[in-house]
Amino acid sequence: MSMTPENSARRWRDLSSELTPEQVEFLGERECDPDVLVRITGNPDYRVDDNILLSSARRYAGDNLAAAMIDDVPDPAGAVKVYGWEDPDTPDAFRLFSGTTRRVELGHGDGIEVTIRGAQSRDGSVEERGILVNGGSEDPMATDAARGLAAVLLEAVDEIDGWATQ
């Protein structure tokens, strides 16, 4: 008696019913243009072939199954966007999330975005929550923009502190 699971998939499309629409679209794009990564990287070893597509589809299907087993974990408080589970088939499974984003205009089309980000473990606990600051300018920041940035940072901190008491 063989203990090897039956896996009759010969092409990645044989597994498409176990993939998300985004995964199917991604693999389909790579199938139609197998040299896209070669053009981006200049490395001919990055040409996509049928074996790579099938291996990717199998990995996606396995991750999707494992994620479905922990999909009942509620989203973190204040999460605006929750991303897919990473390492879903391990005890260390986690997913990233983002919360509120606030923007401070600096003028000349430049701005700074302050986003709450975090990581949630498979038991639902939030392991990490912090603030991500993106943007800016090479130009000196005006004092009113600096005050605006300080206010936005304090609002983000207050929001995070509020979740800790929930």
C-alpha atoms as a PDB file:
ATOM      1  CA  MET A   1       0.000   0.000   0.000  1.00  0.00           C
ATOM      2  CA  SER A   2       1.455   3.327  -1.057  1.00  0.00           C
ATOM      3  CA  MET A   3       1.407   6.246   1.350  1.00  0.00           C
ATOM      4  CA  THR A   4       2.070   8.750  -1.421  1.00  0.00           C
ATOM      5  CA  PRO A   5      -0.958  10.964  -2.002  1.00  0.00           C
ATOM      6  CA  GLU A   6      -2.459  10.782  -5.453  1.00  0.00           C
ATOM      7  CA  ASN A   7      -1.410  13.794  -7.437  1.00  0.00           C
ATOM      8  CA  SER A   8      -2.405  13.436 -11.046  1.00  0.00           C
ATOM      9  CA  ALA A   9      -1.932  17.084 -11.991  1.00  0.00           C
ATOM     10  CA  ARG A  10       0.282  17.344 -15.052  1.00  0.00           C
ATOM     11  CA  ARG A  11      -0.210  21.056 -15.749  1.00  0.00           C
ATOM     12  CA  TRP A  12      -0.883  23.955 -13.434  1.00  0.00           C
ATOM     13  CA  ARG A  13      -4.384  24.422 -14.871  1.00  0.00           C
ATOM     14  CA  ASP A  14      -5.329  20.988 -13.471  1.00  0.00           C
ATOM     15  CA  LEU A  15      -5.171  22.668 -10.044  1.00  0.00           C
ATOM     16  CA  SER A  16      -6.982  25.885 -10.979  1.00  0.00           C
ATOM     17  CA  SER A  17     -10.094  24.952  -8.969  1.00  0.00           C
ATOM     18  CA  GLU A  18      -7.922  24.998  -5.825  1.00  0.00           C
ATOM     19  CA  LEU A  19      -6.436  28.435  -6.570  1.00  0.00           C
ATOM     20  CA  THR A  20      -7.684  31.953  -5.976  1.00  0.00           C
ATOM     21  CA  PRO A  21      -8.650  34.062  -9.004  1.00  0.00           C
ATOM     22  CA  GLU A  22      -5.541  36.193  -8.394  1.00  0.00           C
ATOM     23  CA  GLN A  23      -3.299  33.116  -8.422  1.00  0.00           C
ATOM     24  CA  VAL A  24      -4.900  31.833 -11.634  1.00  0.00           C
ATOM     25  CA  GLU A  25      -4.435  35.239 -13.244  1.00  0.00           C
ATOM     26  CA  PHE A  26      -0.791  35.441 -12.131  1.00  0.00           C
ATOM     27  CA  LEU A  27       0.079  31.961 -13.409  1.00  0.00           C
ATOM     28  CA  GLY A  28      -1.822  32.601 -16.642  1.00  0.00           C
ATOM     29  CA  GLU A  29       0.194  35.768 -17.231  1.00  0.00           C
ATOM     30  CA  ARG A  30       3.451  33.872 -16.647  1.00  0.00           C
ATOM     31  CA  GLU A  31       2.291  31.117 -18.985  1.00  0.00           C
ATOM     32  CA  CYS A  32       1.530  33.641 -21.755  1.00  0.00           C
ATOM     33  CA  ASP A  33       4.803  35.514 -21.252  1.00  0.00           C
ATOM     34  CA  PRO A  34       7.413  33.095 -19.870  1.00  0.00           C
ATOM     35  CA  ASP A  35      10.256  35.566 -20.458  1.00  0.00           C
ATOM     36  CA  VAL A  36       8.888  38.456 -18.384  1.00  0.00           C
ATOM     37  CA  LEU A  37      11.302  37.800 -15.499  1.00  0.00           C
ATOM     38  CA  VAL A  38      14.202  37.388 -17.931  1.00  0.00           C
ATOM     39  CA  ARG A  39      13.494  40.850 -19.310  1.00  0.00           C
ATOM     40  CA  ILE A  40      13.199  42.358 -15.835  1.00  0.00           C
ATOM     41  CA  THR A  41      16.298  40.716 -14.355  1.00  0.00           C
ATOM     42  CA  GLY A  42      18.420  40.028 -17.430  1.00  0.00           C
ATOM     43  CA  ASN A  43      18.922  36.495 -16.079  1.00  0.00           C
ATOM     44  CA  PRO A  44      17.989  33.715 -18.546  1.00  0.00           C
ATOM     45  CA  ASP A  45      17.624  31.276 -15.629  1.00  0.00           C
ATOM     46  CA  TYR A  46      14.369  33.052 -14.700  1.00  0.00           C
ATOM     47  CA  ARG A  47      12.487  31.797 -17.759  1.00  0.00           C
ATOM     48  CA  VAL A  48       9.207  30.254 -16.612  1.00  0.00           C
ATOM     49  CA  ASP A  49       8.406  26.747 -17.846  1.00  0.00           C
ATOM     50  CA  ASP A  50       5.589  24.247 -17.272  1.00  0.00           C
ATOM     51  CA  ASN A  51       7.372  22.608 -14.324  1.00  0.00           C
ATOM     52  CA  ILE A  52       7.796  25.936 -12.544  1.00  0.00           C
ATOM     53  CA  LEU A  53       4.137  26.801 -13.127  1.00  0.00           C
ATOM     54  CA  LEU A  54       2.991  23.395 -11.833  1.00  0.00           C
ATOM     55  CA  SER A  55       5.246  23.662  -8.780  1.00  0.00           C
ATOM     56  CA  SER A  56       3.916  27.153  -8.056  1.00  0.00           C
ATOM     57  CA  ALA A  57       0.309  25.981  -8.424  1.00  0.00           C
ATOM     58  CA  ARG A  58       0.933  23.080  -6.033  1.00  0.00           C
ATOM     59  CA  ARG A  59       2.470  25.448  -3.475  1.00  0.00           C
ATOM     60  CA  TYR A  60      -0.434  27.891  -3.816  1.00  0.00           C
ATOM     61  CA  ALA A  61      -2.995  25.077  -3.468  1.00  0.00           C
ATOM     62  CA  GLY A  62      -1.266  23.760  -0.341  1.00  0.00           C
ATOM     63  CA  ASP A  63      -1.072  27.226   1.184  1.00  0.00           C
ATOM     64  CA  ASN A  64      -4.735  27.852   0.344  1.00  0.00           C
ATOM     65  CA  LEU A  65      -5.776  24.617   2.055  1.00  0.00           C
ATOM     66  CA  ALA A  66      -3.710  25.380   5.143  1.00  0.00           C
ATOM     67  CA  ALA A  67      -5.031  28.955   5.253  1.00  0.00           C
ATOM     68  CA  ALA A  68      -8.617  27.683   5.011  1.00  0.00           C
ATOM     69  CA  MET A  69      -8.003  25.679   8.169  1.00  0.00           C
ATOM     70  CA  ILE A  70      -7.218  28.867  10.135  1.00  0.00           C
ATOM     71  CA  ASP A  71      -9.491  31.217   8.230  1.00  0.00           C
ATOM     72  CA  ASP A  72     -11.898  31.597  11.150  1.00  0.00           C
ATOM     73  CA  VAL A  73      -9.462  33.888  12.981  1.00  0.00           C
ATOM     74  CA  PRO A  74     -11.172  37.299  13.215  1.00  0.00           C
ATOM     75  CA  ASP A  75      -9.459  40.306  11.676  1.00  0.00           C
ATOM     76  CA  PRO A  76      -7.504  42.479  14.115  1.00  0.00           C
ATOM     77  CA  ALA A  77      -9.330  45.471  15.597  1.00  0.00           C
ATOM     78  CA  GLY A  78      -8.961  48.507  13.362  1.00  0.00           C
ATOM     79  CA  ALA A  79      -7.617  46.572  10.375  1.00  0.00           C
ATOM     80  CA  VAL A  80      -8.452  48.200   7.051  1.00  0.00           C
ATOM     81  CA  LYS A  81      -6.689  45.585   4.886  1.00  0.00           C
ATOM     82  CA  VAL A  82      -5.750  42.077   5.990  1.00  0.00           C
ATOM     83  CA  TYR A  83      -3.307  40.139   3.816  1.00  0.00           C
ATOM     84  CA  GLY A  84      -3.099  36.379   3.288  1.00  0.00           C
ATOM     85  CA  TRP A  85      -1.525  33.986   5.763  1.00  0.00           C
ATOM     86  CA  GLU A  86       2.227  33.402   5.543  1.00  0.00           C
ATOM     87  CA  ASP A  87       3.554  29.945   6.483  1.00  0.00           C
ATOM     88  CA  PRO A  88      -0.058  28.776   7.014  1.00  0.00           C
ATOM     89  CA  ASP A  89       0.916  25.139   7.469  1.00  0.00           C
ATOM     90  CA  THR A  90       3.202  25.850  10.428  1.00  0.00           C
ATOM     91  CA  PRO A  91       2.634  26.846  14.058  1.00  0.00           C
ATOM     92  CA  ASP A  92       4.333  30.146  13.185  1.00  0.00           C
ATOM     93  CA  ALA A  93       1.625  31.190  10.696  1.00  0.00           C
ATOM     94  CA  PHE A  94       1.018  34.930  10.603  1.00  0.00           C
ATOM     95  CA  ARG A  95      -0.613  37.549   8.454  1.00  0.00           C
ATOM     96  CA  LEU A  96       0.143  41.203   7.983  1.00  0.00           C
ATOM     97  CA  PHE A  97      -2.473  43.910   8.151  1.00  0.00           C
ATOM     98  CA  SER A  98      -2.682  47.641   7.698  1.00  0.00           C
ATOM     99  CA  GLY A  99      -4.877  50.090   9.519  1.00  0.00           C
ATOM    100  CA  THR A 100      -5.682  53.723   9.014  1.00  0.00           C
ATOM    101  CA  THR A 101      -3.512  55.773   6.650  1.00  0.00           C
ATOM    102  CA  ARG A 102      -3.178  59.499   7.208  1.00  0.00           C
ATOM    103  CA  ARG A 103      -1.517  61.891   4.761  1.00  0.00           C
ATOM    104  CA  VAL A 104       0.248  65.178   5.386  1.00  0.00           C
ATOM    105  CA  GLU A 105       0.705  67.419   2.347  1.00  0.00           C
ATOM    106  CA  LEU A 106       4.110  69.042   2.078  1.00  0.00           C
ATOM    107  CA  GLY A 107       3.399  71.126  -0.998  1.00  0.00           C
ATOM    108  CA  HIS A 108       4.765  70.780  -4.525  1.00  0.00           C
ATOM    109  CA  GLY A 109       2.842  67.487  -4.831  1.00  0.00           C
ATOM    110  CA  ASP A 110       4.887  65.840  -2.093  1.00  0.00           C
ATOM    111  CA  GLY A 111       3.398  64.283   0.988  1.00  0.00           C
ATOM    112  CA  ILE A 112       4.027  61.908   3.848  1.00  0.00           C
ATOM    113  CA  GLU A 113       1.774  58.942   4.595  1.00  0.00           C
ATOM    114  CA  VAL A 114       1.515  57.520   8.092  1.00  0.00           C
ATOM    115  CA  THR A 115       0.057  54.005   8.134  1.00  0.00           C
ATOM    116  CA  ILE A 116      -0.621  51.670  11.021  1.00  0.00           C
ATOM    117  CA  ARG A 117       0.784  48.205  10.263  1.00  0.00           C
ATOM    118  CA  GLY A 118       0.911  44.996  12.201  1.00  0.00           C
ATOM    119  CA  ALA A 119       1.170  41.215  12.280  1.00  0.00           C
ATOM    120  CA  GLN A 120      -1.340  38.730  13.654  1.00  0.00           C
ATOM    121  CA  SER A 121      -0.577  35.134  14.636  1.00  0.00           C
ATOM    122  CA  ARG A 122      -2.789  32.124  13.989  1.00  0.00           C
ATOM    123  CA  ASP A 123      -4.252  32.241  17.507  1.00  0.00           C
ATOM    124  CA  GLY A 124      -5.635  35.711  16.762  1.00  0.00           C
ATOM    125  CA  SER A 125      -3.198  37.638  18.919  1.00  0.00           C
ATOM    126  CA  VAL A 126      -1.534  40.722  17.495  1.00  0.00           C
ATOM    127  CA  GLU A 127       2.195  40.212  17.823  1.00  0.00           C
ATOM    128  CA  GLU A 128       3.247  43.528  16.475  1.00  0.00           C
ATOM    129  CA  ARG A 129       1.616  46.841  15.728  1.00  0.00           C
ATOM    130  CA  GLY A 130       3.492  49.927  14.667  1.00  0.00           C
ATOM    131  CA  ILE A 131       3.614  52.937  12.422  1.00  0.00           C
ATOM    132  CA  LEU A 132       5.039  53.039   8.912  1.00  0.00           C
ATOM    133  CA  VAL A 133       6.038  56.452   7.538  1.00  0.00           C
ATOM    134  CA  ASN A 134       6.473  56.815   3.760  1.00  0.00           C
ATOM    135  CA  GLY A 135       7.185  59.697   1.464  1.00  0.00           C
ATOM    136  CA  GLY A 136       8.715  63.042   2.041  1.00  0.00           C
ATOM    137  CA  SER A 137      10.866  65.380   0.067  1.00  0.00           C
ATOM    138  CA  GLU A 138      14.444  66.547  -0.244  1.00  0.00           C
ATOM    139  CA  ASP A 139      13.170  70.059   0.477  1.00  0.00           C
ATOM    140  CA  PRO A 140      13.011  71.408   4.028  1.00  0.00           C
ATOM    141  CA  MET A 141       9.668  70.832   5.721  1.00  0.00           C
ATOM    142  CA  ALA A 142       7.647  73.937   6.540  1.00  0.00           C
ATOM    143  CA  THR A 143       6.713  74.357  10.186  1.00  0.00           C
ATOM    144  CA  ASP A 144       2.986  73.949   9.503  1.00  0.00           C
ATOM    145  CA  ALA A 145       3.673  70.650   7.713  1.00  0.00           C
ATOM    146  CA  ALA A 146       5.894  69.544  10.608  1.00  0.00           C
ATOM    147  CA  ARG A 147       3.086  70.312  13.059  1.00  0.00           C
ATOM    148  CA  GLY A 148       0.684  68.411  10.820  1.00  0.00           C
ATOM    149  CA  LEU A 149       3.029  65.410  10.748  1.00  0.00           C
ATOM    150  CA  ALA A 150       3.418  65.507  14.535  1.00  0.00           C
ATOM    151  CA  ALA A 151      -0.368  65.636  14.957  1.00  0.00           C
ATOM    152  CA  VAL A 152      -0.908  62.733  12.547  1.00  0.00           C
ATOM    153  CA  LEU A 153       1.736  60.634  14.315  1.00  0.00           C
ATOM    154  CA  LEU A 154       0.091  61.296  17.681  1.00  0.00           C
ATOM    155  CA  GLU A 155      -3.322  60.370  16.247  1.00  0.00           C
ATOM    156  CA  ALA A 156      -1.879  57.071  15.003  1.00  0.00           C
ATOM    157  CA  VAL A 157      -0.285  56.361  18.397  1.00  0.00           C
ATOM    158  CA  ASP A 158      -3.564  57.149  20.170  1.00  0.00           C
ATOM    159  CA  GLU A 159      -5.416  54.828  17.794  1.00  0.00           C
ATOM    160  CA  ILE A 160      -2.996  51.968  18.517  1.00  0.00           C
ATOM    161  CA  ASP A 161      -3.161  52.621  22.269  1.00  0.00           C
ATOM    162  CA  GLY A 162      -6.964  52.538  22.066  1.00  0.00           C
ATOM    163  CA  TRP A 163      -6.883  49.038  20.589  1.00  0.00           C
ATOM    164  CA  ALA A 164      -4.653  47.813  23.395  1.00  0.00           C
ATOM    165  CA  THR A 165      -7.432  48.550  25.892  1.00  0.00           C
ATOM    166  CA  GLN A 166     -10.078  46.654  23.899  1.00  0.00           C
END
